[in-house]
Protein backbone atom coordinates (compact mmCIF):
# COMPACT_ATOMS: atom_id res chain seq x y z
CA MET A 1 -11.58 32.34 1.46
CA VAL A 2 -14.94 31.39 0.17
CA ALA A 3 -14.15 32.94 -3.28
CA LEU A 4 -11.10 30.73 -3.39
CA ALA A 5 -12.67 27.52 -1.95
CA TRP A 6 -16.01 27.26 -3.77
CA PRO A 7 -14.46 26.81 -7.19
CA ILE A 8 -12.08 24.24 -5.76
CA ILE A 9 -15.10 22.38 -4.16
CA ALA A 10 -16.84 22.51 -7.49
CA THR A 11 -13.78 21.30 -9.37
CA GLU A 12 -13.42 18.39 -6.92
CA LEU A 13 -17.04 17.60 -7.24
CA LEU A 14 -16.63 17.35 -11.01
CA GLN A 15 -13.53 15.29 -10.39
CA VAL A 16 -15.68 12.73 -8.30
CA ALA A 17 -18.25 12.96 -11.08
CA TYR A 18 -15.80 11.09 -13.32
CA ASN A 19 -15.58 8.23 -10.86
CA LEU A 20 -19.33 8.28 -10.09
CA THR A 21 -20.19 8.34 -13.74
CA ASP A 22 -18.10 5.18 -14.32
CA THR A 23 -19.59 3.59 -11.23
CA LEU A 24 -23.12 4.45 -12.17
CA TRP A 25 -22.85 2.84 -15.58
CA LEU A 26 -20.72 -0.15 -14.52
CA GLY A 27 -23.13 -0.91 -11.74
CA ARG A 28 -25.62 -1.37 -14.60
CA LEU A 29 -23.19 -3.73 -16.13
CA SER A 30 -22.47 -5.93 -13.12
CA THR A 31 -21.37 -5.90 -9.46
CA ASP A 32 -18.09 -7.58 -10.73
CA ALA A 33 -17.40 -4.51 -12.82
CA VAL A 34 -17.80 -2.12 -9.84
CA ALA A 35 -15.51 -4.49 -7.78
CA ALA A 36 -12.92 -4.35 -10.63
CA ILE A 37 -12.48 -0.65 -10.52
CA SER A 38 -12.55 -0.84 -6.73
CA LEU A 39 -9.31 -2.95 -7.04
CA ALA A 40 -7.77 -0.96 -9.83
CA PHE A 41 -7.91 2.47 -8.24
CA PRO A 42 -5.48 1.90 -5.31
CA LEU A 43 -2.90 0.55 -7.66
CA ILE A 44 -3.47 3.24 -10.30
CA PHE A 45 -3.18 5.83 -7.41
CA LEU A 46 0.27 4.38 -6.42
CA PHE A 47 1.62 5.48 -9.82
CA ILE A 48 -0.30 8.81 -10.09
CA SER A 49 1.09 9.69 -6.60
CA VAL A 50 4.66 9.81 -7.87
CA GLY A 51 4.01 12.82 -9.96
CA GLY A 52 1.26 14.13 -7.74
CA GLY A 53 3.62 15.22 -5.05
CA PHE A 54 5.45 17.51 -7.44
CA THR A 55 2.21 19.26 -8.28
CA VAL A 56 2.04 20.25 -4.63
CA ALA A 57 5.53 21.72 -4.95
CA GLY A 58 4.41 23.78 -8.03
CA SER A 59 1.28 25.03 -6.35
CA THR A 60 3.15 26.02 -3.24
CA LEU A 61 5.99 27.88 -5.05
CA VAL A 62 3.64 29.63 -7.55
CA ALA A 63 1.56 30.78 -4.48
CA GLN A 64 4.66 32.07 -2.59
CA TYR A 65 6.11 33.95 -5.62
CA THR A 66 2.79 35.36 -6.49
CA GLY A 67 2.39 36.69 -2.93
CA ALA A 68 5.90 38.15 -3.06
CA LYS A 69 4.92 39.93 -6.37
CA SER A 70 7.45 38.02 -8.34
CA GLU A 71 5.37 37.24 -11.39
CA GLU A 72 8.39 36.12 -13.52
CA SER A 73 9.54 33.65 -11.00
CA ALA A 74 5.96 32.19 -10.77
CA GLY A 75 5.92 31.61 -14.46
CA THR A 76 9.26 30.07 -14.49
CA VAL A 77 8.22 27.64 -11.66
CA ALA A 78 5.13 26.80 -13.61
CA GLY A 79 7.11 25.88 -16.78
CA GLN A 80 9.72 23.84 -14.84
CA THR A 81 6.85 22.02 -13.05
CA LEU A 82 5.00 21.14 -16.36
CA SER A 83 8.13 19.83 -17.99
CA PHE A 84 9.28 17.78 -14.99
CA ILE A 85 5.90 16.22 -14.44
CA THR A 86 5.47 15.39 -18.15
CA LEU A 87 8.58 13.33 -18.17
CA ILE A 88 7.46 11.58 -15.01
CA ALA A 89 4.02 10.92 -16.46
CA VAL A 90 5.41 9.21 -19.56
CA ILE A 91 7.76 7.05 -17.58
CA VAL A 92 5.17 6.05 -14.98
CA GLY A 93 2.58 5.23 -17.67
CA ILE A 94 4.86 2.87 -19.50
CA VAL A 95 5.89 1.07 -16.33
CA GLY A 96 2.34 0.90 -15.04
CA PHE A 97 1.09 -0.73 -18.21
CA PHE A 98 3.64 -3.55 -18.19
CA ALA A 99 3.40 -4.01 -14.51
CA THR A 100 -0.45 -4.37 -14.38
CA ASP A 101 -0.57 -8.15 -14.11
CA ALA A 102 2.21 -8.34 -11.64
CA LEU A 103 0.55 -5.81 -9.40
CA LEU A 104 -2.87 -7.53 -9.45
CA SER A 105 -1.11 -10.87 -8.68
CA ILE A 106 0.08 -9.68 -5.33
CA LEU A 107 -3.48 -9.23 -3.97
CA PRO A 108 -4.54 -12.35 -1.90
CA SER A 109 -7.98 -12.66 -3.58
CA SER A 110 -10.75 -15.10 -2.75
CA PRO A 111 -11.35 -17.66 -5.56
CA ALA A 112 -14.52 -15.82 -6.65
CA THR A 113 -12.67 -12.42 -6.88
CA ALA A 114 -9.65 -13.93 -8.72
CA GLY A 115 -11.84 -15.48 -11.31
CA GLN A 116 -14.42 -12.77 -11.87
CA VAL A 117 -12.99 -9.51 -10.94
CA ILE A 118 -9.12 -9.52 -11.45
CA PRO A 119 -9.33 -9.88 -15.28
CA LEU A 120 -11.64 -6.90 -15.50
CA ALA A 121 -9.36 -4.81 -13.22
CA ALA A 122 -6.46 -5.60 -15.58
CA ASP A 123 -8.42 -4.49 -18.61
CA TYR A 124 -9.33 -1.11 -16.92
CA MET A 125 -5.73 -0.51 -15.65
CA GLU A 126 -3.93 -1.05 -19.00
CA VAL A 127 -6.02 1.51 -20.80
CA PHE A 128 -5.72 3.97 -17.91
CA PHE A 129 -1.84 3.71 -17.76
CA LEU A 130 -1.56 4.40 -21.40
CA GLY A 131 -3.46 7.63 -21.00
CA LEU A 132 -1.63 8.70 -17.87
CA PRO A 133 0.18 11.71 -19.44
CA PHE A 134 -3.36 13.25 -20.25
CA LEU A 135 -4.57 12.87 -16.59
CA PHE A 136 -1.16 14.41 -15.24
CA GLY A 137 -1.56 17.31 -17.56
CA PHE A 138 -4.74 18.56 -16.04
CA PHE A 139 -3.58 17.86 -12.43
CA VAL A 140 -0.60 20.04 -13.09
CA PHE A 141 -2.68 22.86 -14.67
CA SER A 142 -5.16 22.86 -11.81
CA ALA A 143 -2.45 22.87 -9.13
CA LEU A 144 -0.52 25.85 -10.91
CA MET A 145 -3.67 27.95 -11.27
CA ARG A 146 -4.70 27.20 -7.69
CA GLY A 147 -1.29 28.44 -6.54
CA TYR A 148 -1.80 31.53 -8.57
CA GLY A 149 -5.13 32.10 -7.01
CA ASN A 150 -7.22 31.38 -10.05
CA THR A 151 -9.46 28.48 -9.00
CA ARG A 152 -12.26 29.28 -11.52
CA ALA A 153 -10.41 28.53 -14.62
CA PRO A 154 -9.76 24.79 -13.59
CA MET A 155 -13.47 24.51 -12.62
CA ALA A 156 -14.51 25.65 -16.13
CA VAL A 157 -12.06 23.24 -17.84
CA MET A 158 -13.17 20.39 -15.50
CA PHE A 159 -16.85 21.18 -16.35
CA VAL A 160 -16.31 20.84 -20.10
CA SER A 161 -14.27 17.55 -19.55
CA VAL A 162 -17.02 16.00 -17.45
CA LEU A 163 -19.66 16.79 -19.94
CA VAL A 164 -17.58 14.86 -22.55
CA ASN A 165 -17.09 11.96 -20.20
CA VAL A 166 -20.92 11.84 -19.35
CA VAL A 167 -21.77 11.59 -23.08
CA ILE A 168 -19.28 9.01 -24.26
CA ASP A 169 -19.00 6.91 -21.03
CA PRO A 170 -22.25 4.77 -21.71
CA LEU A 171 -21.53 4.68 -25.41
CA LEU A 172 -18.18 3.05 -24.87
CA ILE A 173 -19.32 0.78 -22.03
CA PHE A 174 -22.42 -0.62 -23.64
CA GLY A 175 -21.73 0.27 -27.35
CA TYR A 176 -24.06 2.04 -29.79
CA GLY A 177 -24.48 1.48 -33.54
CA SER A 178 -21.09 0.83 -35.04
CA ILE A 179 -19.34 1.59 -31.60
CA PRO A 180 -18.54 -1.77 -29.92
CA ALA A 181 -19.36 -2.43 -26.25
CA LEU A 182 -16.10 -2.25 -24.45
CA GLY A 183 -17.29 -2.70 -20.77
CA VAL A 184 -14.64 -1.63 -18.22
CA GLN A 185 -12.21 -0.80 -21.01
CA GLY A 186 -14.78 1.65 -22.32
CA ALA A 187 -14.98 3.41 -18.97
CA ALA A 188 -11.18 3.82 -18.81
CA LEU A 189 -11.01 5.01 -22.55
CA ALA A 190 -13.84 7.62 -21.87
CA THR A 191 -11.97 9.01 -18.82
CA VAL A 192 -8.66 9.33 -20.67
CA PHE A 193 -10.19 10.90 -23.76
CA SER A 194 -12.00 13.45 -21.44
CA ARG A 195 -8.92 14.21 -19.58
CA GLY A 196 -7.09 14.75 -22.83
CA ILE A 197 -9.63 17.45 -23.65
CA ALA A 198 -9.02 19.07 -20.12
CA THR A 199 -5.32 19.06 -20.73
CA ILE A 200 -5.50 20.71 -24.15
CA LEU A 201 -7.76 23.50 -22.69
CA GLY A 202 -5.48 23.95 -19.58
CA LEU A 203 -2.40 24.39 -21.78
CA TYR A 204 -4.26 26.96 -24.02
CA ILE A 205 -5.13 28.91 -20.86
CA LEU A 206 -1.45 28.94 -19.47
CA PHE A 207 0.16 29.85 -22.73
CA GLY A 208 -2.58 31.81 -24.58
CA THR A 209 -4.16 33.98 -21.84
CA SER A 210 -3.16 36.10 -18.88
CA ALA A 211 -5.46 34.10 -16.48
CA GLY A 212 -2.57 32.41 -14.73
CA PRO A 213 1.27 32.41 -14.38
CA ASP A 214 3.01 34.01 -17.32
CA VAL A 215 4.49 30.80 -18.90
CA SER A 216 6.61 30.86 -22.06
CA LEU A 217 8.57 28.17 -23.98
CA PRO A 218 11.95 29.24 -22.41
CA ASP A 219 10.50 28.40 -19.03
CA PHE A 220 10.67 24.71 -19.93
CA ARG A 221 14.42 24.66 -20.28
CA PRO A 222 15.76 23.14 -16.93
CA GLN A 223 16.87 25.52 -14.32
CA LEU A 224 18.59 23.99 -11.40
CA PRO A 225 17.60 26.35 -8.63
CA PHE A 226 13.96 25.94 -9.45
CA ILE A 227 14.20 22.18 -9.97
CA ARG A 228 15.99 21.84 -6.66
CA ASP A 229 13.06 23.63 -4.92
CA ILE A 230 10.51 21.56 -6.82
CA VAL A 231 12.18 18.41 -5.75
CA ARG A 232 12.92 19.49 -2.21
CA ILE A 233 9.17 20.44 -1.61
CA GLY A 234 7.82 17.70 -3.85
CA VAL A 235 9.73 14.61 -2.68
CA PRO A 236 7.99 14.56 0.76
CA SER A 237 4.58 15.10 -0.93
CA ALA A 238 5.29 12.31 -3.39
CA ILE A 239 6.44 10.04 -0.59
CA GLU A 240 3.29 11.04 1.32
CA GLN A 241 1.01 10.34 -1.54
CA SER A 242 2.87 7.16 -2.41
CA ALA A 243 2.75 5.79 1.14
CA THR A 244 -0.88 6.63 1.16
CA ALA A 245 -1.34 4.67 -2.03
CA LEU A 246 0.59 1.71 -0.48
CA GLY A 247 -1.61 1.93 2.57
CA PHE A 248 -4.80 1.72 0.43
CA ILE A 249 -3.30 -1.16 -1.47
CA THR A 250 -2.66 -2.95 1.85
CA LEU A 251 -6.26 -2.30 2.92
CA THR A 252 -7.49 -3.60 -0.47
CA ALA A 253 -5.39 -6.65 -0.04
CA MET A 254 -7.30 -7.36 3.23
CA VAL A 255 -10.68 -6.54 1.59
CA VAL A 256 -10.28 -8.92 -1.37
CA THR A 257 -10.09 -11.86 0.99
CA PHE A 258 -13.84 -11.27 1.42
CA ARG A 259 -16.62 -12.11 -1.18
CA PRO A 260 -17.04 -9.83 -4.26
CA GLU A 261 -20.11 -8.05 -2.71
CA VAL A 262 -17.90 -6.66 0.03
CA VAL A 263 -15.19 -5.61 -2.39
CA ALA A 264 -17.81 -3.76 -4.35
CA ALA A 265 -19.38 -2.12 -1.37
CA TYR A 266 -15.93 -1.04 -0.08
CA GLY A 267 -15.19 0.60 -3.51
CA LEU A 268 -18.47 2.17 -3.87
CA GLY A 269 -18.45 3.41 -0.18
CA ASN A 270 -15.06 4.96 -0.86
CA ARG A 271 -16.16 6.84 -3.90
CA LEU A 272 -19.20 8.12 -2.19
CA THR A 273 -17.23 9.30 0.87
CA SER A 274 -14.93 11.02 -1.51
CA LEU A 275 -17.90 13.01 -2.71
CA VAL A 276 -18.99 14.10 0.75
CA PHE A 277 -15.40 15.04 1.52
CA LEU A 278 -15.45 17.71 -1.11
CA PRO A 279 -16.08 20.65 1.13
CA ALA A 280 -13.13 19.74 3.36
CA LEU A 281 -10.86 19.13 0.43
CA GLY A 282 -11.88 22.36 -1.11
CA LEU A 283 -11.10 24.41 2.15
CA GLY A 284 -7.84 22.59 2.49
CA ARG A 285 -6.62 23.65 -0.97
CA ALA A 286 -7.84 27.10 -0.41
CA THR A 287 -5.96 27.21 2.81
CA ASN A 288 -2.90 25.89 0.98
CA THR A 289 -3.02 29.01 -1.37
CA ILE A 290 -3.91 31.52 1.38
CA VAL A 291 -1.05 30.28 3.64
CA GLY A 292 1.45 30.32 0.79
CA GLN A 293 0.54 33.78 -0.36
CA ASN A 294 0.44 35.30 3.03
CA LEU A 295 3.82 33.77 4.06
CA GLY A 296 5.17 34.95 0.72
CA ALA A 297 4.11 38.48 1.71
CA GLY A 298 5.46 38.18 5.24
CA LYS A 299 2.04 37.80 6.94
CA PRO A 300 2.15 34.68 9.25
CA ASP A 301 -0.41 35.83 11.69
CA ARG A 302 -2.95 36.48 9.03
CA ALA A 303 -2.17 33.04 7.65
CA GLU A 304 -2.82 31.44 11.08
CA ARG A 305 -6.19 33.32 11.44
CA ALA A 306 -7.27 31.98 8.09
CA VAL A 307 -6.37 28.31 8.99
CA TRP A 308 -8.48 28.50 12.14
CA LEU A 309 -11.45 30.06 10.44
CA ALA A 310 -11.19 27.45 7.75
CA ALA A 311 -11.05 24.63 10.33
CA LYS A 312 -14.04 25.96 12.06
CA VAL A 313 -16.08 26.24 8.85
CA GLY A 314 -14.90 22.82 7.68
CA ALA A 315 -15.85 20.94 10.78
CA SER A 316 -19.38 22.73 10.81
CA VAL A 317 -20.13 21.88 7.26
CA MET A 318 -18.91 18.26 7.44
CA LEU A 319 -21.07 17.62 10.61
CA VAL A 320 -24.12 18.58 8.52
CA VAL A 321 -23.01 16.31 5.78
CA ALA A 322 -22.52 13.45 8.32
CA VAL A 323 -26.13 13.72 9.43
CA VAL A 324 -27.42 13.68 5.88
CA ALA A 325 -25.18 10.68 4.89
CA TYR A 326 -26.16 8.80 7.97
CA LEU A 327 -30.02 9.25 7.45
CA PHE A 328 -30.03 8.54 3.68
CA ALA A 329 -27.19 5.98 3.31
CA GLU A 330 -29.20 3.21 1.80
CA PRO A 331 -30.97 5.17 -0.95
CA ILE A 332 -27.79 6.93 -1.92
CA VAL A 333 -26.02 3.57 -2.42
CA ALA A 334 -28.89 2.03 -4.26
CA VAL A 335 -28.66 4.67 -6.97
CA PHE A 336 -25.39 3.04 -8.17
CA ILE A 337 -26.19 -0.57 -8.07
CA SER A 338 -28.72 -2.29 -10.29
CA THR A 339 -31.34 -4.18 -8.08
CA GLY A 340 -33.06 -7.39 -8.64
CA THR A 341 -30.30 -9.89 -7.52
CA ASP A 342 -29.28 -11.11 -4.15
CA ALA A 343 -25.74 -9.97 -4.82
CA ALA A 344 -26.94 -6.37 -5.59
CA ALA A 345 -29.16 -6.26 -2.57
CA ASP A 346 -26.15 -7.57 -0.41
CA THR A 347 -23.90 -4.91 -1.91
CA VAL A 348 -26.41 -2.10 -1.15
CA ALA A 349 -26.78 -3.25 2.48
CA LEU A 350 -23.07 -3.50 3.05
CA GLY A 351 -22.41 -0.18 1.40
CA ALA A 352 -25.09 1.71 3.43
CA ALA A 353 -23.54 0.19 6.65
CA TYR A 354 -20.16 1.47 5.72
CA ILE A 355 -21.33 5.04 4.98
CA ARG A 356 -23.13 5.29 8.29
CA ILE A 357 -19.98 4.19 10.28
CA ARG A 358 -17.74 6.48 8.18
CA ALA A 359 -20.08 9.43 8.91
CA VAL A 360 -18.62 9.58 12.47
CA GLU A 361 -15.37 10.83 11.13
CA PHE A 362 -16.69 13.54 8.88
CA GLY A 363 -16.26 16.52 11.20
CA PHE A 364 -12.59 15.44 11.93
CA ILE A 365 -11.96 15.35 8.23
CA GLY A 366 -12.80 19.00 7.97
CA VAL A 367 -10.15 19.88 10.53
CA LEU A 368 -7.45 17.47 9.04
CA GLN A 369 -7.74 18.62 5.50
CA VAL A 370 -7.45 22.23 6.49
CA VAL A 371 -4.48 21.78 8.78
CA LEU A 372 -2.69 19.64 6.15
CA GLY A 373 -3.25 22.27 3.62
CA ALA A 374 -1.75 24.92 5.96
CA TYR A 375 1.45 22.80 6.26
CA ARG A 376 1.60 22.34 2.59
CA GLY A 377 1.08 26.08 1.87
CA ALA A 378 3.84 26.80 4.15
CA GLY A 379 6.23 24.48 2.21
CA ASN A 380 6.35 22.19 5.21
CA THR A 381 5.41 19.13 3.40
CA LYS A 382 7.35 16.73 5.68
CA THR A 383 5.08 17.54 8.58
CA ALA A 384 2.00 16.89 6.24
CA LEU A 385 3.74 13.64 5.28
CA VAL A 386 4.05 12.54 8.97
CA PHE A 387 0.47 13.25 9.90
CA SER A 388 -1.01 11.52 6.66
CA LEU A 389 1.05 8.55 7.48
CA LEU A 390 -0.02 8.51 11.05
CA ALA A 391 -3.56 8.45 10.11
CA LEU A 392 -3.09 5.70 7.58
CA TRP A 393 -0.48 3.48 8.85
CA LEU A 394 -0.77 3.87 12.69
CA GLY A 395 -4.53 4.36 12.33
CA ARG A 396 -6.44 2.73 9.52
CA VAL A 397 -4.31 -0.19 8.58
CA PRO A 398 -3.68 -1.79 11.97
CA ILE A 399 -7.24 -1.02 13.27
CA VAL A 400 -8.84 -2.54 10.14
CA TYR A 401 -6.68 -5.66 10.65
CA TYR A 402 -7.41 -5.85 14.45
CA PHE A 403 -11.24 -5.48 14.21
CA ALA A 404 -11.66 -7.47 10.86
CA PHE A 405 -9.43 -10.44 11.66
CA VAL A 406 -8.27 -10.55 15.29
CA ARG A 407 -11.67 -9.65 16.72
CA GLY A 408 -13.54 -11.43 14.01
CA LEU A 409 -15.89 -8.62 13.01
CA GLY A 410 -15.47 -9.13 9.31
CA GLU A 411 -16.38 -6.35 7.04
CA THR A 412 -17.82 -4.31 9.94
CA GLY A 413 -14.21 -4.21 11.32
CA ILE A 414 -13.07 -2.74 8.01
CA TRP A 415 -15.70 -0.01 8.21
CA ILE A 416 -14.74 0.85 11.87
CA GLY A 417 -10.89 0.87 11.15
CA MET A 418 -11.47 3.27 8.08
CA ALA A 419 -13.15 5.90 10.40
CA ALA A 420 -10.93 5.66 13.38
CA GLY A 421 -7.76 6.36 11.45
CA GLN A 422 -8.75 9.78 10.28
CA ILE A 423 -9.89 10.76 13.59
CA ILE A 424 -6.51 9.97 15.15
CA GLY A 425 -4.83 11.97 12.38
CA ALA A 426 -7.02 14.93 12.69
CA VAL A 427 -6.40 15.31 16.60
CA ALA A 428 -2.67 14.87 16.21
CA ALA A 429 -2.21 17.30 13.36
CA ALA A 430 -4.32 20.11 14.97
CA ALA A 431 -2.41 19.63 18.25
CA TRP A 432 0.96 19.92 16.55
CA PHE A 433 -0.17 22.85 14.41
CA THR A 434 -0.66 25.09 17.54
CA ARG A 435 3.13 24.99 18.17
CA GLY A 436 3.47 27.55 15.32
CA THR A 437 6.72 26.07 13.89
CA TRP A 438 5.21 26.14 10.33
CA LYS A 439 5.22 29.96 10.03
CA SER A 440 8.17 30.51 7.76
CA ALA A 441 8.27 30.85 3.93
CA VAL A 442 10.32 28.68 1.59
CA ILE A 443 11.40 31.45 -0.76
CA ALA A 444 14.06 33.98 -0.01
CA GLY A 445 13.10 37.52 1.01
CA SER A 446 9.92 36.89 2.78
CA LYS A 447 9.99 38.63 6.17
CA PRO A 448 7.09 39.40 8.58
CA THR A 449 5.56 42.73 7.95
CA ASP A 450 2.61 44.75 9.02
CA SER A 451 2.12 46.37 5.60
CA ASP A 452 -0.67 45.33 3.29
CA GLY A 453 0.02 42.23 1.08
CA GLY A 454 -0.93 38.61 0.59
CA VAL A 455 -4.30 37.29 0.88
CA ASP A 456 -6.54 37.83 3.95
CA GLU A 457 -9.54 35.59 4.72
CA SER A 458 -11.74 38.71 5.00
CA GLU A 459 -10.87 39.72 1.48
CA LEU A 460 -11.81 36.43 -0.32
């Protein structure tokens, strides 16, 4: 399990490095620039989630066909997933570009936020949407390789891409020589260009090497049986991710009624917590692969043992992370915001308070991500959908509203609600998992067996 998980964690760390690099340099530009990308990301995520659900389907099917020793079918699924999501990416990117102003107009912003932050968010989103196919390309490659059991190749590709981003991000934001200063547009352009490099490298690995599923050009021709499987598994995940994005848009709509410093602290705090969640996310995605391959090989009991081991490890690691985050919240936040103004000092104080309150949920996150990964690996994406929506729509959204507005706690109510929702989701998902109704594969011919096969947690 560790062999699968650590490259995933490293890849996710590099993924967060994209966002933190933008935040670091934009924090040098202005607090409004940080607030702008805080508003932009939930709206961008809504569009990305449409295709993101189908990458889960591709990963799950590749894992189960690989576990069942069906290399040809794994390659066909990979090709079908690539072509299907490429089409979605082009459509979604065009729609998102033309819908940017309309999307931002639905946010009930304070006068200061509407005048100072919304125009910057629009600049960022338009560039990002035009480059969306490049982002989707790497997401698909990473998911397919993860399902195949090769988590190191996406890590290496991401490392190269992040290096490119780190170099060109400040150049495009602040300008250098003949390169004009593009501000938030420069940050978006740097990310798109870097992701384009990652997509090109990923396609080379899939088509030019034997490191992943055996994909060839004929695999791109539509084959209805495989497309049906991709849609059947992918639609619930797409709904899950879209509903999650809508939930975060709802939360953002509440946050933007506060002053820009609160908006910036909320966005920065979310990016930093996404960094500390990486161990849990890595274990969750490794669990996805392990469960998929073991169910494909007819080993449900082995899959269950792996899940509980991963949950224990995840909770333990995240508790350690929680202690560190609580003790050093203020200096961590201060790294990303230029000091010297009252607005900056206020943003740092608010962000530190946010992280300290969110630290309470970290141990529960370790359990939740692992259990959701198990459901997805089994192809039981509808169950993952239910518990993700439970944590967000019956947890975070109403609790944030209640404490922030009904009880009048302001931004502190937002911080409390964000933590409480995940705790509710973790407890509910783990309790349901013990019923064992997830222990069946989604591909034909996978029956329980005591013979060797699949992936055991002790082998990884």
